[in-house]
């Protein structure tokens, strides 16, 4: 089951939809589906905001060493999330609030 995440657009609680595999790559004209099949897939957790319709994709839980994405730890709730978020998606802590 998903975590409690708040929408970065409207601050409403987001609903966990599911874990899915998204296909990477595209179908080619000459080789057909072969490049698409060789590209693989990425597993994501999907959340949707019931208020504004925003959809968010998150990577499943992974260890800190294997992540290439810059992460930050929220000083308010202690959860880690992507560095470029202006607010913590878990507790809505605003990093730019003065």
Protein backbone atom coordinates (compact mmCIF):
# COMPACT_ATOMS: atom_id res chain seq x y z
CA UNK A 1 0.00 0.00 0.00
CA UNK A 2 1.14 3.55 -0.65
CA UNK A 3 2.24 6.30 1.71
CA UNK A 4 0.28 9.40 2.65
CA UNK A 5 1.42 12.03 0.13
CA UNK A 6 0.09 15.53 -0.32
CA UNK A 7 -0.29 17.20 -3.72
CA UNK A 8 2.36 19.82 -4.38
CA UNK A 9 -0.13 21.85 -6.42
CA UNK A 10 -3.17 22.07 -4.10
CA UNK A 11 -2.05 20.42 -0.79
CA UNK A 12 -4.79 17.74 -0.92
CA UNK A 13 -4.15 14.15 0.10
CA UNK A 14 -3.18 12.05 -2.94
CA UNK A 15 -4.69 8.61 -3.57
CA UNK A 16 -2.39 5.63 -4.22
CA UNK A 17 -3.40 3.91 -7.46
CA UNK A 18 -0.93 1.05 -8.00
CA UNK A 19 2.57 -0.10 -8.90
CA UNK A 20 3.02 -0.47 -12.66
CA UNK A 21 5.81 -1.13 -15.13
CA UNK A 22 6.16 1.57 -17.79
CA UNK A 23 7.76 0.48 -21.05
CA UNK A 24 10.84 2.45 -22.11
CA UNK A 25 11.83 2.91 -25.74
CA UNK A 26 9.71 3.22 -28.85
CA UNK A 27 8.70 1.25 -31.91
CA UNK A 28 11.02 1.73 -34.86
CA UNK A 29 10.17 1.83 -38.56
CA UNK A 30 12.77 -0.68 -39.72
CA UNK A 31 13.20 -2.96 -36.69
CA UNK A 32 9.60 -2.73 -35.44
CA UNK A 33 9.13 -3.55 -31.74
CA UNK A 34 12.65 -4.90 -31.17
CA UNK A 35 14.15 -1.62 -29.84
CA UNK A 36 11.12 -1.23 -27.57
CA UNK A 37 11.55 -4.72 -26.13
CA UNK A 38 15.29 -4.25 -25.59
CA UNK A 39 14.82 -0.91 -23.78
CA UNK A 40 13.17 -2.57 -20.79
CA UNK A 41 10.71 -1.08 -18.32
CA UNK A 42 10.75 0.99 -15.15
CA UNK A 43 8.59 0.21 -12.12
CA UNK A 44 6.71 3.18 -10.65
CA UNK A 45 4.19 3.87 -7.89
CA UNK A 46 1.29 5.97 -9.19
CA UNK A 47 -0.58 8.56 -7.10
CA UNK A 48 -3.41 10.87 -8.20
CA UNK A 49 -4.86 14.00 -6.60
CA UNK A 50 -8.64 13.83 -6.38
CA UNK A 51 -8.93 17.62 -6.14
CA UNK A 52 -6.87 18.92 -9.08
CA UNK A 53 -6.16 15.75 -11.09
CA UNK A 54 -2.34 15.88 -10.82
CA UNK A 55 -0.66 12.51 -11.34
CA UNK A 56 2.68 11.71 -9.68
CA UNK A 57 5.02 8.81 -10.46
CA UNK A 58 7.52 7.66 -7.83
CA UNK A 59 10.24 5.03 -7.91
CA UNK A 60 9.63 2.16 -5.51
CA UNK A 61 11.59 2.20 -2.26
CA UNK A 62 15.29 1.69 -2.91
CA UNK A 63 18.48 1.92 -0.91
CA UNK A 64 20.28 5.26 -0.67
CA UNK A 65 23.41 3.89 -2.40
CA UNK A 66 21.58 2.79 -5.57
CA UNK A 67 19.75 6.07 -6.22
CA UNK A 68 21.10 8.51 -8.81
CA UNK A 69 18.46 11.11 -7.89
CA UNK A 70 19.48 13.86 -5.47
CA UNK A 71 17.49 13.42 -2.27
CA UNK A 72 16.86 15.59 0.77
CA UNK A 73 15.63 14.74 4.24
CA UNK A 74 12.72 16.81 5.50
CA UNK A 75 13.62 18.61 8.75
CA UNK A 76 9.98 18.42 9.86
CA UNK A 77 9.00 14.73 9.36
CA UNK A 78 12.36 13.08 8.54
CA UNK A 79 11.22 11.42 5.28
CA UNK A 80 13.50 11.51 2.24
CA UNK A 81 12.24 12.81 -1.11
CA UNK A 82 13.57 14.27 -4.35
CA UNK A 83 15.67 17.40 -3.84
CA UNK A 84 13.85 19.57 -6.40
CA UNK A 85 10.47 19.55 -4.60
CA UNK A 86 9.64 22.96 -3.07
CA UNK A 87 7.56 21.21 -0.35
CA UNK A 88 7.83 17.86 1.38
CA UNK A 89 5.27 15.55 -0.30
CA UNK A 90 4.70 13.75 3.02
CA UNK A 91 4.03 16.58 5.51
CA UNK A 92 3.80 19.68 3.21
CA UNK A 93 6.78 21.41 4.89
CA UNK A 94 7.60 24.44 2.69
CA UNK A 95 11.36 24.89 2.22
CA UNK A 96 10.97 28.45 0.89
CA UNK A 97 8.64 29.73 3.62
CA UNK A 98 10.22 32.52 5.65
